[in-house]
Amino acid sequence: MSGTRDDRSGLAELMAYVREGDTVVVWKLDRLGRNTLHILDTVKSLTDRGVTLVSTTDGIDSSTAVVAEQLPTNTKIS
């Protein structure tokens, strides 16, 4: 997926494919959206659907109880 385009066909395919109980592993959260708000919407959509999200670089695993505390606080909202 390219981070410079708004039409993220790979992300759209992922969102259509994942089901409750699946785990999505990304290298970094920025792979899930164009800006912070889009990333947060994507994370919420995944977790609302019962999909576990793991970001290896950011050390985030939504199957743990401290997900909100793990989200980066120094991210600029575009």
N, C-alpha and C. Protein backbone atom coordinates (compact mmCIF):
# COMPACT_ATOMS: atom_id res chain seq x y z
N MET A 1 0.83 -1.18 0.00
CA MET A 1 0.00 0.00 0.00
C MET A 1 0.87 1.24 0.00
N SER A 2 0.49 2.20 -0.74
CA SER A 2 1.22 3.45 -0.79
C SER A 2 0.67 4.43 0.22
N GLY A 3 1.55 5.09 0.97
CA GLY A 3 1.11 6.07 1.95
C GLY A 3 0.84 7.42 1.35
N THR A 4 1.02 7.59 0.05
CA THR A 4 0.83 8.89 -0.57
C THR A 4 -0.49 9.00 -1.30
N ARG A 5 -1.30 7.97 -1.29
CA ARG A 5 -2.55 7.99 -2.03
C ARG A 5 -3.72 7.82 -1.08
N ASP A 6 -4.85 8.43 -1.42
CA ASP A 6 -6.07 8.28 -0.62
C ASP A 6 -6.80 6.98 -0.93
N ASP A 7 -6.68 6.49 -2.16
CA ASP A 7 -7.37 5.27 -2.54
C ASP A 7 -6.50 4.07 -2.19
N ARG A 8 -6.68 3.55 -1.03
CA ARG A 8 -5.86 2.44 -0.55
C ARG A 8 -6.59 1.14 -0.84
N SER A 9 -6.42 0.64 -2.06
CA SER A 9 -7.16 -0.55 -2.48
C SER A 9 -6.80 -1.76 -1.62
N GLY A 10 -5.54 -1.87 -1.21
CA GLY A 10 -5.14 -2.98 -0.36
C GLY A 10 -5.83 -2.94 0.99
N LEU A 11 -5.96 -1.75 1.56
CA LEU A 11 -6.66 -1.60 2.84
C LEU A 11 -8.14 -1.90 2.67
N ALA A 12 -8.73 -1.43 1.58
CA ALA A 12 -10.15 -1.72 1.32
C ALA A 12 -10.38 -3.23 1.18
N GLU A 13 -9.47 -3.91 0.49
CA GLU A 13 -9.59 -5.37 0.36
C GLU A 13 -9.45 -6.05 1.71
N LEU A 14 -8.52 -5.59 2.53
CA LEU A 14 -8.34 -6.15 3.87
C LEU A 14 -9.61 -5.99 4.69
N MET A 15 -10.19 -4.78 4.67
CA MET A 15 -11.39 -4.52 5.47
C MET A 15 -12.57 -5.38 5.01
N ALA A 16 -12.63 -5.67 3.72
CA ALA A 16 -13.70 -6.52 3.20
C ALA A 16 -13.46 -7.99 3.54
N TYR A 17 -12.21 -8.36 3.73
CA TYR A 17 -11.84 -9.77 3.92
C TYR A 17 -11.89 -10.23 5.37
N VAL A 18 -11.44 -9.39 6.31
CA VAL A 18 -11.29 -9.84 7.69
C VAL A 18 -12.63 -10.14 8.34
N ARG A 19 -12.59 -11.11 9.25
CA ARG A 19 -13.78 -11.55 9.97
C ARG A 19 -13.48 -11.59 11.47
N GLU A 20 -14.53 -11.65 12.25
CA GLU A 20 -14.38 -11.75 13.70
C GLU A 20 -13.46 -12.91 14.04
N GLY A 21 -12.52 -12.65 14.95
CA GLY A 21 -11.56 -13.67 15.36
C GLY A 21 -10.25 -13.62 14.60
N ASP A 22 -10.21 -12.89 13.47
CA ASP A 22 -8.97 -12.73 12.70
C ASP A 22 -8.01 -11.80 13.44
N THR A 23 -6.74 -11.89 13.08
CA THR A 23 -5.72 -10.98 13.59
C THR A 23 -5.04 -10.31 12.41
N VAL A 24 -5.00 -8.98 12.45
CA VAL A 24 -4.31 -8.20 11.43
C VAL A 24 -3.00 -7.73 12.03
N VAL A 25 -1.90 -8.04 11.35
CA VAL A 25 -0.57 -7.63 11.81
C VAL A 25 -0.02 -6.63 10.81
N VAL A 26 0.36 -5.45 11.33
CA VAL A 26 0.97 -4.42 10.48
C VAL A 26 2.33 -4.07 11.05
N TRP A 27 3.20 -3.61 10.18
CA TRP A 27 4.53 -3.18 10.60
C TRP A 27 4.42 -1.92 11.46
N LYS A 28 3.58 -0.99 11.03
CA LYS A 28 3.41 0.27 11.74
C LYS A 28 1.98 0.76 11.51
N LEU A 29 1.41 1.45 12.50
CA LEU A 29 0.03 1.91 12.41
C LEU A 29 -0.24 2.76 11.18
N ASP A 30 0.76 3.49 10.69
CA ASP A 30 0.52 4.37 9.54
C ASP A 30 0.14 3.60 8.28
N ARG A 31 0.26 2.29 8.30
CA ARG A 31 -0.18 1.47 7.17
C ARG A 31 -1.69 1.38 7.10
N LEU A 32 -2.38 1.80 8.18
CA LEU A 32 -3.83 1.65 8.25
C LEU A 32 -4.60 2.90 7.86
N GLY A 33 -3.92 3.95 7.46
CA GLY A 33 -4.65 5.15 7.07
C GLY A 33 -3.75 6.27 6.62
N ARG A 34 -4.39 7.28 6.06
CA ARG A 34 -3.69 8.42 5.48
C ARG A 34 -3.30 9.46 6.52
N ASN A 35 -4.09 9.52 7.62
CA ASN A 35 -3.81 10.46 8.70
C ASN A 35 -4.29 9.85 10.01
N THR A 36 -4.05 10.54 11.09
CA THR A 36 -4.36 9.98 12.41
C THR A 36 -5.84 9.65 12.56
N LEU A 37 -6.71 10.53 12.11
CA LEU A 37 -8.14 10.27 12.24
C LEU A 37 -8.56 9.03 11.44
N HIS A 38 -8.01 8.88 10.23
CA HIS A 38 -8.34 7.71 9.42
C HIS A 38 -7.80 6.44 10.09
N ILE A 39 -6.61 6.51 10.65
CA ILE A 39 -6.04 5.36 11.35
C ILE A 39 -6.92 4.97 12.53
N LEU A 40 -7.33 5.95 13.33
CA LEU A 40 -8.18 5.65 14.49
C LEU A 40 -9.52 5.07 14.06
N ASP A 41 -10.11 5.59 12.98
CA ASP A 41 -11.36 5.02 12.46
C ASP A 41 -11.18 3.58 12.02
N THR A 42 -10.05 3.31 11.37
CA THR A 42 -9.76 1.94 10.91
C THR A 42 -9.57 1.00 12.09
N VAL A 43 -8.81 1.44 13.09
CA VAL A 43 -8.59 0.63 14.29
C VAL A 43 -9.92 0.35 14.98
N LYS A 44 -10.76 1.37 15.12
CA LYS A 44 -12.06 1.19 15.76
C LYS A 44 -12.93 0.22 14.96
N SER A 45 -12.94 0.38 13.66
CA SER A 45 -13.72 -0.51 12.82
C SER A 45 -13.28 -1.96 12.99
N LEU A 46 -11.97 -2.18 13.00
CA LEU A 46 -11.45 -3.54 13.18
C LEU A 46 -11.83 -4.11 14.54
N THR A 47 -11.60 -3.35 15.59
CA THR A 47 -11.86 -3.87 16.93
C THR A 47 -13.36 -4.03 17.17
N ASP A 48 -14.19 -3.13 16.61
CA ASP A 48 -15.65 -3.29 16.73
C ASP A 48 -16.13 -4.57 16.06
N ARG A 49 -15.41 -5.01 15.04
CA ARG A 49 -15.76 -6.25 14.32
C ARG A 49 -15.15 -7.49 14.95
N GLY A 50 -14.44 -7.31 16.07
CA GLY A 50 -13.85 -8.46 16.75
C GLY A 50 -12.54 -8.92 16.15
N VAL A 51 -11.87 -8.03 15.42
CA VAL A 51 -10.59 -8.34 14.79
C VAL A 51 -9.48 -7.82 15.69
N THR A 52 -8.50 -8.66 15.99
CA THR A 52 -7.34 -8.26 16.78
C THR A 52 -6.36 -7.54 15.88
N LEU A 53 -5.80 -6.45 16.39
CA LEU A 53 -4.81 -5.68 15.65
C LEU A 53 -3.49 -5.71 16.39
N VAL A 54 -2.42 -6.04 15.65
CA VAL A 54 -1.08 -6.04 16.20
C VAL A 54 -0.21 -5.16 15.31
N SER A 55 0.45 -4.18 15.94
CA SER A 55 1.40 -3.33 15.23
C SER A 55 2.78 -3.62 15.82
N THR A 56 3.63 -4.24 15.04
CA THR A 56 4.91 -4.71 15.58
C THR A 56 5.84 -3.58 15.99
N THR A 57 5.94 -2.53 15.19
CA THR A 57 6.84 -1.43 15.51
C THR A 57 6.34 -0.61 16.68
N ASP A 58 5.01 -0.40 16.75
CA ASP A 58 4.43 0.43 17.80
C ASP A 58 4.17 -0.33 19.09
N GLY A 59 4.35 -1.65 19.07
CA GLY A 59 4.14 -2.45 20.28
C GLY A 59 2.69 -2.51 20.72
N ILE A 60 1.77 -2.49 19.76
CA ILE A 60 0.34 -2.50 20.07
C ILE A 60 -0.25 -3.86 19.75
N ASP A 61 -1.05 -4.35 20.69
CA ASP A 61 -1.77 -5.60 20.52
C ASP A 61 -3.15 -5.38 21.11
N SER A 62 -4.18 -5.30 20.25
CA SER A 62 -5.52 -4.96 20.74
C SER A 62 -6.17 -6.08 21.54
N SER A 63 -5.50 -7.21 21.65
CA SER A 63 -6.05 -8.28 22.49
C SER A 63 -5.72 -8.05 23.96
N THR A 64 -4.87 -7.05 24.24
CA THR A 64 -4.54 -6.72 25.62
C THR A 64 -5.45 -5.62 26.14
N ALA A 65 -5.51 -5.46 27.44
CA ALA A 65 -6.44 -4.50 28.06
C ALA A 65 -5.95 -3.06 28.00
N VAL A 66 -4.71 -2.82 27.61
CA VAL A 66 -4.16 -1.46 27.68
C VAL A 66 -3.95 -0.84 26.31
N VAL A 67 -4.80 -1.15 25.36
CA VAL A 67 -4.63 -0.66 23.99
C VAL A 67 -4.65 0.86 23.94
N ALA A 68 -5.61 1.51 24.56
CA ALA A 68 -5.72 2.97 24.49
C ALA A 68 -4.47 3.63 25.05
N GLU A 69 -3.87 3.05 26.05
CA GLU A 69 -2.68 3.61 26.64
C GLU A 69 -1.46 3.42 25.75
N GLN A 70 -1.53 2.50 24.80
CA GLN A 70 -0.40 2.21 23.92
C GLN A 70 -0.36 3.11 22.70
N LEU A 71 -1.49 3.73 22.35
CA LEU A 71 -1.52 4.57 21.15
C LEU A 71 -0.59 5.76 21.32
N PRO A 72 0.14 6.11 20.28
CA PRO A 72 1.07 7.23 20.38
C PRO A 72 0.35 8.54 20.64
N THR A 73 0.90 9.33 21.55
CA THR A 73 0.29 10.61 21.89
C THR A 73 0.93 11.78 21.16
N ASN A 74 2.05 11.54 20.51
CA ASN A 74 2.77 12.61 19.83
C ASN A 74 2.52 12.64 18.33
N THR A 75 1.42 12.03 17.89
CA THR A 75 1.11 11.96 16.48
C THR A 75 0.34 13.19 16.06
N LYS A 76 0.75 13.83 14.98
CA LYS A 76 0.10 15.03 14.47
C LYS A 76 -1.18 14.64 13.74
N ILE A 77 -2.27 15.32 14.06
CA ILE A 77 -3.53 15.09 13.38
C ILE A 77 -3.59 16.00 12.18
N SER A 78 -3.75 15.39 10.99
CA SER A 78 -3.80 16.17 9.73
C SER A 78 -5.21 16.53 9.38
